[in-house]
Structures are given as C-alpha cells and as structure tokens.
Amino acid sequence: QVQLVESGGGLVQPGGSLRLSCAASGGMFLSYVMAWYRQAPGKERDLVARISNGGSTNYADSVKGRFTISRDNAKNTVYLQMNSLKPEDTAVYYCNAQGVGPGSNYWGQGTQVTVSS
C-alpha cells in the first residue's frame, strides 16, 4: 500500500509561482509512474503532468511551458513547479502513483491551489 502526501498549495496572484510536493511511502517509488491531476469545482479530474520511472514527461496542453514535473527517487518525492499561474489553474491538485498490475493505482488527499488577485 502506497501513501501519498501532497503539500505546497495555497493562494497566489496571477503570474505567480507555486511548487507542489508529493511524498510517497510504503512502496517501491522507483517502480511507479507518477502524475499530477487537478479538479476544479464542477469539473472532471484531469491529467496535468506525468513522469515515468525513467524520467520521461508529458503535459496537458494548457500547462506546457509553464509547469514542470520532476521526481527525486532518493527522497521518494515528486514535484510540480508551476509558473505564470492563471486563474483557470485554480483547482484541487492530486498526486497519483500508477504501478503495474490491478489495484496499484494510488491517490493523495489533494491540495488546494487558488490563483486570484
């Protein structure tokens, strides 16, 4: 069983930056594809960025060039650096770990990001 704990959310003005962190425990971090999703009120949970265990990344079109996902395998932690934030980035951000095999998909509790002046 993998536990994921997000941190780093908060209130930021448009154009500002935030760095989200997700600390993983209870599993083999290296074996998981890690990702960040977000869910705005009344909307579905959507993929923001994903990083493979080999370090390959992919991003939603809406965040390309502004957000960067990275992972520190020594610290069992994945990060999301968010720059040039926009009001439409406001959402609850969730960390996800995807392993191989049934039942190996885990979620954190979420962290709120609010972009507002």
Protein backbone atom coordinates (compact mmCIF):
# COMPACT_ATOMS: atom_id res chain seq x y z
CA GLN A 1 0.00 0.00 0.00
CA VAL A 2 1.38 3.38 -1.06
CA GLN A 3 0.65 6.56 0.86
CA LEU A 4 0.92 9.91 -0.91
CA VAL A 5 1.01 13.23 0.92
CA GLU A 6 0.83 16.47 -1.05
CA SER A 7 1.95 19.87 0.17
CA GLY A 8 2.69 23.33 -1.20
CA GLY A 9 -0.72 24.53 -2.27
CA GLY A 10 -2.10 27.94 -1.38
CA LEU A 11 -3.29 31.29 -2.63
CA VAL A 12 -1.21 33.07 -5.25
CA GLN A 13 -1.74 36.06 -7.51
CA PRO A 14 -1.96 35.67 -11.29
CA GLY A 15 1.51 35.42 -12.76
CA GLY A 16 2.93 33.96 -9.57
CA SER A 17 4.53 30.60 -8.84
CA LEU A 18 3.99 27.64 -6.55
CA ARG A 19 5.82 24.38 -6.06
CA LEU A 20 3.81 21.31 -5.09
CA SER A 21 5.43 18.32 -3.46
CA CYS A 22 4.18 14.75 -3.08
CA ALA A 23 5.97 12.45 -0.66
CA ALA A 24 5.42 8.74 -1.17
CA SER A 25 5.83 5.96 1.36
CA GLY A 26 5.01 2.29 1.66
CA GLY A 27 6.02 1.16 -1.81
CA MET A 28 8.81 0.96 -4.35
CA PHE A 29 8.79 4.55 -5.58
CA LEU A 30 11.10 3.78 -8.48
CA SER A 31 8.57 1.37 -9.94
CA TYR A 32 5.75 3.89 -10.18
CA VAL A 33 4.75 6.31 -12.89
CA MET A 34 3.94 9.50 -11.00
CA ALA A 35 1.49 12.15 -12.07
CA TRP A 36 -0.35 15.28 -11.02
CA TYR A 37 -4.05 15.70 -11.73
CA ARG A 38 -6.36 18.57 -10.93
CA GLN A 39 -10.05 19.01 -10.40
CA ALA A 40 -11.86 22.33 -10.50
CA PRO A 41 -15.35 22.73 -8.97
CA GLY A 42 -17.98 21.09 -11.14
CA LYS A 43 -15.40 19.59 -13.50
CA GLU A 44 -13.76 16.23 -14.00
CA ARG A 45 -10.33 15.34 -12.68
CA ASP A 46 -7.83 15.91 -15.48
CA LEU A 47 -4.21 14.97 -16.02
CA VAL A 48 -1.80 17.88 -15.60
CA ALA A 49 1.60 16.19 -15.95
CA ARG A 50 3.13 12.73 -15.79
CA ILE A 51 6.66 11.44 -15.29
CA SER A 52 7.76 7.88 -15.91
CA ASN A 53 10.14 5.94 -13.72
CA GLY A 54 12.74 6.66 -16.40
CA GLY A 55 12.12 10.40 -16.27
CA SER A 56 10.09 10.88 -19.45
CA THR A 57 7.45 13.57 -19.09
CA ASN A 58 4.24 14.68 -20.72
CA TYR A 59 1.95 17.61 -20.03
CA ALA A 60 -1.54 18.83 -20.68
CA ASP A 61 -1.55 21.41 -23.46
CA SER A 62 -2.90 24.04 -21.08
CA VAL A 63 0.21 23.92 -18.87
CA LYS A 64 3.00 23.29 -21.38
CA GLY A 65 5.81 25.79 -20.98
CA ARG A 66 4.55 26.89 -17.55
CA PHE A 67 4.60 23.75 -15.39
CA THR A 68 7.46 21.32 -14.81
CA ILE A 69 7.15 17.89 -13.22
CA SER A 70 10.18 16.23 -11.67
CA ARG A 71 10.98 13.40 -9.31
CA ASP A 72 13.67 12.75 -6.72
CA ASN A 73 13.89 8.99 -6.37
CA ALA A 74 16.26 9.26 -3.41
CA LYS A 75 13.62 11.22 -1.50
CA ASN A 76 10.58 9.32 -2.85
CA THR A 77 9.12 12.66 -3.87
CA VAL A 78 7.58 14.13 -7.00
CA TYR A 79 7.29 17.86 -7.60
CA LEU A 80 5.23 20.18 -9.73
CA GLN A 81 6.74 23.59 -10.34
CA MET A 82 4.01 25.93 -11.51
CA ASN A 83 4.95 29.28 -13.03
CA SER A 84 2.94 32.04 -14.69
CA LEU A 85 -0.16 30.87 -12.88
CA LYS A 86 -3.56 31.83 -14.22
CA PRO A 87 -6.98 31.98 -12.52
CA GLU A 88 -8.01 28.97 -14.60
CA ASP A 89 -5.31 26.93 -12.84
CA THR A 90 -7.40 27.13 -9.67
CA ALA A 91 -8.24 23.59 -8.59
CA VAL A 92 -7.51 20.85 -6.12
CA TYR A 93 -4.29 19.17 -7.23
CA TYR A 94 -3.89 15.45 -6.65
CA CYS A 95 -0.78 13.30 -6.72
CA ASN A 96 -1.10 9.88 -8.37
CA ALA A 97 1.09 6.80 -8.39
CA GLN A 98 0.48 4.17 -11.03
CA GLY A 99 2.14 0.79 -10.70
CA VAL A 100 1.89 -2.44 -12.67
CA GLY A 101 -0.97 -4.82 -12.03
CA PRO A 102 -4.51 -4.49 -10.68
CA GLY A 103 -5.09 -2.36 -7.63
CA SER A 104 -1.81 -0.49 -7.96
CA ASN A 105 -3.21 2.98 -8.53
CA TYR A 106 -2.95 5.38 -5.60
CA TRP A 107 -4.09 8.93 -4.87
CA GLY A 108 -3.14 11.59 -2.39
CA GLN A 109 -5.66 13.63 -0.46
CA GLY A 110 -5.24 16.71 -2.65
CA THR A 111 -4.00 20.22 -2.10
CA GLN A 112 -5.88 23.39 -2.99
CA VAL A 113 -4.35 25.88 -5.40
CA THR A 114 -6.14 29.20 -5.79
CA VAL A 115 -4.99 31.82 -8.28
CA SER A 116 -6.66 35.12 -7.60
CA SER A 117 -5.91 38.78 -7.17
